[in-house]
Every structure is written in C-alpha cells, then in structure tokens.
Amino acid sequence: MEASRTRYGIGVLGCAVALIALVAMLTPGAQASNGFTSCPNKSLKIMIEGPEGEKTPYTVTVKAISVKGTSCAQAYEFFRLSYNGEKTSKTGYPQNYACKGAEFKVPVGYIATICSKPGKTIKYGAQGG
C-alpha cells in the first residue's frame, strides 16, 4: 500500500514538472530565448524596369524579421543591397551571406527565408507569390 502511494506521488510530481515545462515553452518570452531578436517590418523602394525600358519605383516589404549576431540596421542594409542587386558576392547574395528557404511562421504571401554567415543569421519573410 505504501509503495503505491509513493508511485502515485512520483507520477503527480512528474506531471506537474511536465506541465510547468509546457507552460514555459508556450509563453511569448520563450521564443526570444532562442537568441534571435525581432526587428520591425521594413519597406524598401527599388527601381524596376518598365515595358519600354524606363525605370519605375516599386515598394517591397520584408516582414517577420529576426536577427542573431547582427543588428536590425545591418539586416536592413542587407535587404537594400539584396533587392537592388548590389555588392553580390560569390554566394549570390550581398555581404557573403548564404540564403535558403526555411520553415518558420511568416504572413500569407511571404516566403520564409534564412540567410547566414559565420556568427550572423537573418530570418525574414520575403514578398512572394
């Protein structure tokens, strides 16, 4: 009888620990603990070529931006260079970043993208189809 009470107590304690761990994972602050810092959305004006060769301004918006090991200002500079096709390195992206598709939450109509280089990572939703 005493052994069953001990097992019952251990089971209840285990459930309580699991519940506390679940609550800690689901809290909004837990997402920030992964080392990424959120940045505000950024709109960029780029020039695209029109039907007759003239340049037309076009606004592109980057959403769901998170950075690790770099600042939001440096991420915005990366977006500016990337969308304007400036200072492209051998990786095909500016500032020696390597980019690929990723899976994280972005708004509908945006493509989850992660760009990284040693010690620096930028996650964002690129405007897409």
N, C-alpha and C. Protein backbone atom coordinates (compact mmCIF):
# COMPACT_ATOMS: atom_id res chain seq x y z
N MET A 1 0.81 -1.18 0.00
CA MET A 1 0.00 0.00 0.00
C MET A 1 0.87 1.26 0.00
N GLU A 2 1.91 1.23 0.82
CA GLU A 2 2.81 2.37 0.91
C GLU A 2 3.54 2.59 -0.42
N ALA A 3 3.89 1.51 -1.13
CA ALA A 3 4.60 1.62 -2.41
C ALA A 3 3.71 2.26 -3.47
N SER A 4 2.43 1.96 -3.46
CA SER A 4 1.54 2.54 -4.47
C SER A 4 1.36 4.04 -4.23
N ARG A 5 1.35 4.46 -2.97
CA ARG A 5 1.26 5.89 -2.67
C ARG A 5 2.52 6.62 -3.13
N THR A 6 3.67 5.99 -2.96
CA THR A 6 4.92 6.59 -3.41
C THR A 6 4.93 6.73 -4.92
N ARG A 7 4.50 5.69 -5.63
CA ARG A 7 4.43 5.76 -7.11
C ARG A 7 3.44 6.83 -7.55
N TYR A 8 2.31 6.90 -6.86
CA TYR A 8 1.32 7.91 -7.18
C TYR A 8 1.91 9.31 -6.99
N GLY A 9 2.62 9.52 -5.92
CA GLY A 9 3.25 10.81 -5.64
C GLY A 9 4.29 11.17 -6.69
N ILE A 10 5.09 10.18 -7.10
CA ILE A 10 6.09 10.41 -8.15
C ILE A 10 5.42 10.74 -9.47
N GLY A 11 4.33 10.06 -9.77
CA GLY A 11 3.58 10.33 -11.01
C GLY A 11 3.01 11.73 -11.04
N VAL A 12 2.42 12.15 -9.90
CA VAL A 12 1.87 13.51 -9.81
C VAL A 12 2.97 14.54 -9.95
N LEU A 13 4.11 14.30 -9.31
CA LEU A 13 5.24 15.22 -9.40
C LEU A 13 5.75 15.31 -10.84
N GLY A 14 5.83 14.17 -11.52
CA GLY A 14 6.27 14.15 -12.92
C GLY A 14 5.32 14.93 -13.82
N CYS A 15 4.02 14.77 -13.61
CA CYS A 15 3.03 15.52 -14.39
C CYS A 15 3.15 17.02 -14.14
N ALA A 16 3.36 17.39 -12.88
CA ALA A 16 3.49 18.82 -12.56
C ALA A 16 4.72 19.42 -13.24
N VAL A 17 5.83 18.69 -13.24
CA VAL A 17 7.05 19.18 -13.90
C VAL A 17 6.82 19.31 -15.40
N ALA A 18 6.15 18.32 -16.01
CA ALA A 18 5.85 18.38 -17.45
C ALA A 18 4.94 19.56 -17.77
N LEU A 19 3.96 19.82 -16.93
CA LEU A 19 3.05 20.95 -17.15
C LEU A 19 3.79 22.28 -17.05
N ILE A 20 4.67 22.42 -16.09
CA ILE A 20 5.46 23.64 -15.95
C ILE A 20 6.36 23.84 -17.17
N ALA A 21 6.98 22.77 -17.65
CA ALA A 21 7.83 22.85 -18.84
C ALA A 21 7.02 23.27 -20.06
N LEU A 22 5.80 22.74 -20.20
CA LEU A 22 4.94 23.08 -21.33
C LEU A 22 4.56 24.55 -21.28
N VAL A 23 4.18 25.04 -20.12
CA VAL A 23 3.81 26.46 -19.98
C VAL A 23 5.00 27.35 -20.32
N ALA A 24 6.19 26.98 -19.86
CA ALA A 24 7.39 27.78 -20.15
C ALA A 24 7.68 27.83 -21.64
N MET A 25 7.44 26.73 -22.35
CA MET A 25 7.71 26.70 -23.80
C MET A 25 6.71 27.54 -24.57
N LEU A 26 5.48 27.62 -24.09
CA LEU A 26 4.43 28.32 -24.82
C LEU A 26 4.32 29.80 -24.52
N THR A 27 5.04 30.29 -23.54
CA THR A 27 4.97 31.71 -23.22
C THR A 27 5.69 32.53 -24.29
N PRO A 28 5.24 33.75 -24.57
CA PRO A 28 5.87 34.57 -25.61
C PRO A 28 7.35 34.83 -25.36
N GLY A 29 7.75 34.94 -24.13
CA GLY A 29 9.15 35.19 -23.81
C GLY A 29 10.06 34.03 -24.15
N ALA A 30 9.50 32.84 -24.23
CA ALA A 30 10.32 31.67 -24.54
C ALA A 30 10.86 31.72 -25.96
N GLN A 31 10.12 32.36 -26.87
CA GLN A 31 10.60 32.47 -28.24
C GLN A 31 11.83 33.37 -28.32
N ALA A 32 11.89 34.37 -27.48
CA ALA A 32 13.03 35.28 -27.50
C ALA A 32 14.29 34.62 -26.93
N SER A 33 14.11 33.55 -26.17
CA SER A 33 15.27 32.93 -25.55
C SER A 33 16.11 32.12 -26.53
N ASN A 34 15.67 31.98 -27.79
CA ASN A 34 16.45 31.22 -28.75
C ASN A 34 17.59 32.04 -29.35
N GLY A 35 17.79 33.26 -28.88
CA GLY A 35 18.90 34.07 -29.33
C GLY A 35 18.57 35.04 -30.44
N PHE A 36 17.40 34.95 -31.03
CA PHE A 36 17.01 35.85 -32.10
C PHE A 36 16.33 37.09 -31.53
N THR A 37 16.58 38.23 -32.16
CA THR A 37 15.95 39.49 -31.81
C THR A 37 15.02 39.89 -32.93
N SER A 38 13.80 40.26 -32.61
CA SER A 38 12.83 40.68 -33.64
C SER A 38 13.10 42.11 -34.07
N CYS A 39 12.87 42.37 -35.34
CA CYS A 39 13.02 43.71 -35.90
C CYS A 39 11.69 44.12 -36.54
N PRO A 40 11.41 45.43 -36.59
CA PRO A 40 10.19 45.89 -37.26
C PRO A 40 10.23 45.57 -38.76
N ASN A 41 9.05 45.45 -39.36
CA ASN A 41 8.96 45.24 -40.80
C ASN A 41 9.64 46.40 -41.53
N LYS A 42 10.13 46.13 -42.74
CA LYS A 42 10.86 47.15 -43.49
C LYS A 42 10.32 47.23 -44.90
N SER A 43 10.00 48.44 -45.34
CA SER A 43 9.60 48.68 -46.73
C SER A 43 10.76 49.31 -47.47
N LEU A 44 11.04 48.80 -48.66
CA LEU A 44 12.15 49.30 -49.48
C LEU A 44 11.63 49.75 -50.83
N LYS A 45 12.10 50.87 -51.29
CA LYS A 45 11.76 51.32 -52.64
C LYS A 45 12.89 50.89 -53.57
N ILE A 46 12.53 50.10 -54.57
CA ILE A 46 13.50 49.66 -55.57
C ILE A 46 13.04 50.14 -56.94
N MET A 47 13.94 50.16 -57.86
CA MET A 47 13.62 50.57 -59.23
C MET A 47 13.55 49.31 -60.09
N ILE A 48 12.43 49.14 -60.79
CA ILE A 48 12.30 48.02 -61.71
C ILE A 48 12.14 48.56 -63.12
N GLU A 49 12.50 47.73 -64.07
CA GLU A 49 12.45 48.15 -65.46
C GLU A 49 11.04 47.96 -66.00
N GLY A 50 10.50 49.03 -66.60
CA GLY A 50 9.17 49.01 -67.17
C GLY A 50 9.17 48.39 -68.56
N PRO A 51 8.00 48.36 -69.22
CA PRO A 51 7.87 47.72 -70.52
C PRO A 51 8.70 48.37 -71.64
N GLU A 52 8.94 49.65 -71.53
CA GLU A 52 9.70 50.34 -72.58
C GLU A 52 11.11 50.68 -72.12
N GLY A 53 11.60 50.02 -71.09
CA GLY A 53 12.96 50.24 -70.62
C GLY A 53 13.12 51.33 -69.59
N GLU A 54 12.03 52.05 -69.27
CA GLU A 54 12.15 53.11 -68.26
C GLU A 54 12.11 52.49 -66.87
N LYS A 55 12.73 53.14 -65.92
CA LYS A 55 12.79 52.67 -64.54
C LYS A 55 11.56 53.18 -63.79
N THR A 56 10.92 52.29 -63.05
CA THR A 56 9.73 52.62 -62.29
C THR A 56 9.96 52.24 -60.83
N PRO A 57 9.60 53.13 -59.89
CA PRO A 57 9.78 52.78 -58.47
C PRO A 57 8.74 51.73 -58.04
N TYR A 58 9.18 50.82 -57.20
CA TYR A 58 8.31 49.76 -56.69
C TYR A 58 8.65 49.54 -55.22
N THR A 59 7.65 49.37 -54.39
CA THR A 59 7.88 49.17 -52.96
C THR A 59 7.77 47.70 -52.61
N VAL A 60 8.79 47.19 -51.94
CA VAL A 60 8.85 45.81 -51.47
C VAL A 60 8.86 45.86 -49.95
N THR A 61 8.07 44.98 -49.32
CA THR A 61 8.03 44.93 -47.87
C THR A 61 8.59 43.60 -47.38
N VAL A 62 9.47 43.68 -46.40
CA VAL A 62 10.06 42.50 -45.76
C VAL A 62 9.43 42.41 -44.38
N LYS A 63 8.90 41.22 -44.03
CA LYS A 63 8.21 41.06 -42.75
C LYS A 63 8.80 39.92 -41.94
N ALA A 64 8.39 39.82 -40.70
CA ALA A 64 8.80 38.76 -39.76
C ALA A 64 10.33 38.66 -39.69
N ILE A 65 10.98 39.79 -39.48
CA ILE A 65 12.44 39.86 -39.47
C ILE A 65 12.97 39.52 -38.08
N SER A 66 13.93 38.61 -38.02
CA SER A 66 14.64 38.27 -36.78
C SER A 66 16.12 38.18 -37.08
N VAL A 67 16.94 38.66 -36.17
CA VAL A 67 18.39 38.63 -36.36
C VAL A 67 19.07 37.97 -35.17
N LYS A 68 20.22 37.38 -35.45
CA LYS A 68 21.04 36.76 -34.40
C LYS A 68 22.49 37.06 -34.74
N GLY A 69 23.20 37.72 -33.82
CA GLY A 69 24.60 38.05 -34.04
C GLY A 69 24.81 39.29 -34.89
N THR A 70 23.77 40.00 -35.21
CA THR A 70 23.86 41.22 -36.01
C THR A 70 22.75 42.16 -35.56
N SER A 71 22.73 43.37 -36.09
CA SER A 71 21.72 44.35 -35.69
C SER A 71 20.63 44.45 -36.75
N CYS A 72 19.52 45.06 -36.38
CA CYS A 72 18.44 45.30 -37.33
C CYS A 72 18.91 46.23 -38.46
N ALA A 73 19.71 47.23 -38.12
CA ALA A 73 20.21 48.17 -39.13
C ALA A 73 21.07 47.43 -40.17
N GLN A 74 21.88 46.49 -39.73
CA GLN A 74 22.70 45.73 -40.68
C GLN A 74 21.83 44.81 -41.53
N ALA A 75 20.75 44.27 -40.95
CA ALA A 75 19.82 43.45 -41.72
C ALA A 75 19.14 44.30 -42.80
N TYR A 76 18.72 45.51 -42.44
CA TYR A 76 18.09 46.40 -43.41
C TYR A 76 19.05 46.74 -44.55
N GLU A 77 20.32 46.94 -44.21
CA GLU A 77 21.33 47.19 -45.26
C GLU A 77 21.46 45.98 -46.17
N PHE A 78 21.44 44.78 -45.59
CA PHE A 78 21.48 43.55 -46.39
C PHE A 78 20.29 43.50 -47.35
N PHE A 79 19.09 43.83 -46.86
CA PHE A 79 17.90 43.82 -47.72
C PHE A 79 18.03 44.82 -48.86
N ARG A 80 18.53 46.01 -48.53
CA ARG A 80 18.69 47.05 -49.57
C ARG A 80 19.64 46.56 -50.66
N LEU A 81 20.78 46.02 -50.25
CA LEU A 81 21.75 45.53 -51.23
C LEU A 81 21.20 44.35 -52.01
N SER A 82 20.50 43.47 -51.33
CA SER A 82 19.96 42.28 -51.96
C SER A 82 18.91 42.63 -53.02
N TYR A 83 17.95 43.46 -52.67
CA TYR A 83 16.88 43.80 -53.60
C TYR A 83 17.36 44.68 -54.75
N ASN A 84 18.40 45.45 -54.54
CA ASN A 84 18.95 46.28 -55.60
C ASN A 84 20.01 45.55 -56.42
N GLY A 85 20.39 44.35 -55.99
CA GLY A 85 21.39 43.56 -56.72
C GLY A 85 22.78 44.14 -56.61
N GLU A 86 23.09 44.84 -55.53
CA GLU A 86 24.39 45.48 -55.35
C GLU A 86 25.33 44.60 -54.52
N LYS A 87 26.61 44.72 -54.78
CA LYS A 87 27.67 44.07 -54.00
C LYS A 87 27.41 42.59 -53.77
N THR A 88 26.99 41.91 -54.82
CA THR A 88 26.72 40.49 -54.72
C THR A 88 28.03 39.72 -54.67
N SER A 89 28.13 38.80 -53.71
CA SER A 89 29.36 38.02 -53.55
C SER A 89 29.24 36.70 -54.31
N LYS A 90 30.22 35.84 -54.15
CA LYS A 90 30.23 34.56 -54.86
C LYS A 90 29.09 33.65 -54.42
N THR A 91 28.46 33.93 -53.27
CA THR A 91 27.32 33.14 -52.81
C THR A 91 26.03 33.52 -53.54
N GLY A 92 26.06 34.63 -54.25
CA GLY A 92 24.87 35.12 -54.94
C GLY A 92 24.08 36.14 -54.14
N TYR A 93 24.55 36.42 -52.94
CA TYR A 93 23.89 37.38 -52.06
C TYR A 93 24.93 38.37 -51.54
N PRO A 94 24.50 39.55 -51.11
CA PRO A 94 25.45 40.54 -50.60
C PRO A 94 26.09 40.11 -49.29
N GLN A 95 27.23 40.70 -48.99
CA GLN A 95 27.93 40.58 -47.71
C GLN A 95 28.28 39.13 -47.35
N ASN A 96 28.48 38.29 -48.34
CA ASN A 96 28.88 36.88 -48.15
C ASN A 96 27.87 36.04 -47.37
N TYR A 97 26.62 36.43 -47.36
CA TYR A 97 25.58 35.61 -46.76
C TYR A 97 25.20 34.50 -47.73
N ALA A 98 24.79 33.37 -47.20
CA ALA A 98 24.24 32.27 -47.99
C ALA A 98 22.78 32.13 -47.56
N CYS A 99 21.86 32.14 -48.51
CA CYS A 99 20.44 32.13 -48.19
C CYS A 99 19.77 30.88 -48.72
N LYS A 100 18.71 30.47 -48.01
CA LYS A 100 17.92 29.33 -48.44
C LYS A 100 16.52 29.46 -47.86
N GLY A 101 15.59 28.70 -48.40
CA GLY A 101 14.24 28.66 -47.87
C GLY A 101 14.24 28.01 -46.50
N ALA A 102 13.30 28.39 -45.67
CA ALA A 102 13.24 27.85 -44.32
C ALA A 102 11.79 27.61 -43.94
N GLU A 103 11.58 27.09 -42.76
CA GLU A 103 10.23 26.87 -42.25
C GLU A 103 10.08 27.55 -40.91
N PHE A 104 9.41 28.70 -40.92
CA PHE A 104 9.00 29.39 -39.71
C PHE A 104 7.82 30.24 -40.09
N LYS A 105 7.12 30.78 -39.12
CA LYS A 105 5.86 31.48 -39.36
C LYS A 105 6.09 32.84 -40.01
N VAL A 106 5.49 33.03 -41.20
CA VAL A 106 5.51 34.31 -41.90
C VAL A 106 4.07 34.59 -42.38
N PRO A 107 3.74 35.84 -42.66
CA PRO A 107 2.39 36.15 -43.15
C PRO A 107 2.12 35.48 -44.50
N VAL A 108 0.85 35.29 -44.80
CA VAL A 108 0.44 34.71 -46.08
C VAL A 108 0.95 35.59 -47.21
N GLY A 109 1.50 34.99 -48.25
CA GLY A 109 2.04 35.74 -49.37
C GLY A 109 3.52 36.03 -49.25
N TYR A 110 4.14 35.56 -48.17
CA TYR A 110 5.57 35.78 -47.94
C TYR A 110 6.29 34.44 -47.88
N ILE A 111 7.54 34.44 -48.28
CA ILE A 111 8.34 33.23 -48.32
C ILE A 111 9.37 33.28 -47.19
N ALA A 112 9.34 32.26 -46.34
CA ALA A 112 10.28 32.19 -45.21
C ALA A 112 11.69 31.95 -45.76
N THR A 113 12.62 32.84 -45.40
CA THR A 113 14.00 32.78 -45.89
C THR A 113 14.95 32.97 -44.72
N ILE A 114 16.05 32.23 -44.74
CA ILE A 114 17.09 32.39 -43.72
C ILE A 114 18.42 32.59 -44.42
N CYS A 115 19.12 33.64 -44.05
CA CYS A 115 20.44 33.96 -44.61
C CYS A 115 21.44 33.95 -43.47
N SER A 116 22.57 33.30 -43.70
CA SER A 116 23.56 33.21 -42.63
C SER A 116 24.97 33.25 -43.16
N LYS A 117 25.84 33.62 -42.28
CA LYS A 117 27.28 33.52 -42.46
C LYS A 117 27.84 33.30 -41.07
N PRO A 118 29.08 32.91 -40.91
CA PRO A 118 29.57 32.57 -39.59
C PRO A 118 29.27 33.63 -38.53
N GLY A 119 28.50 33.24 -37.50
CA GLY A 119 28.19 34.11 -36.38
C GLY A 119 27.02 35.05 -36.60
N LYS A 120 26.43 35.08 -37.79
CA LYS A 120 25.34 36.02 -38.07
C LYS A 120 24.23 35.30 -38.85
N THR A 121 22.99 35.56 -38.45
CA THR A 121 21.85 34.96 -39.12
C THR A 121 20.73 35.98 -39.23
N ILE A 122 20.07 36.00 -40.38
CA ILE A 122 18.91 36.87 -40.62
C ILE A 122 17.78 35.97 -41.12
N LYS A 123 16.64 36.00 -40.41
CA LYS A 123 15.44 35.28 -40.83
C LYS A 123 14.41 36.33 -41.23
N TYR A 124 13.72 36.10 -42.34
CA TYR A 124 12.71 37.08 -42.75
C TYR A 124 11.72 36.46 -43.72
N GLY A 125 10.60 37.15 -43.90
CA GLY A 125 9.60 36.77 -44.88
C GLY A 125 9.77 37.67 -46.09
N ALA A 126 10.16 37.07 -47.21
CA ALA A 126 10.33 37.83 -48.45
C ALA A 126 9.01 37.85 -49.20
N GLN A 127 8.67 38.98 -49.76
CA GLN A 127 7.44 39.11 -50.52
C GLN A 127 7.49 38.14 -51.68
N GLY A 128 6.46 37.34 -51.82
CA GLY A 128 6.47 36.34 -52.88
C GLY A 128 5.07 36.04 -53.37
N GLY A 129 4.97 34.94 -54.08
CA GLY A 129 3.67 34.58 -54.66
C GLY A 129 3.09 33.49 -53.92
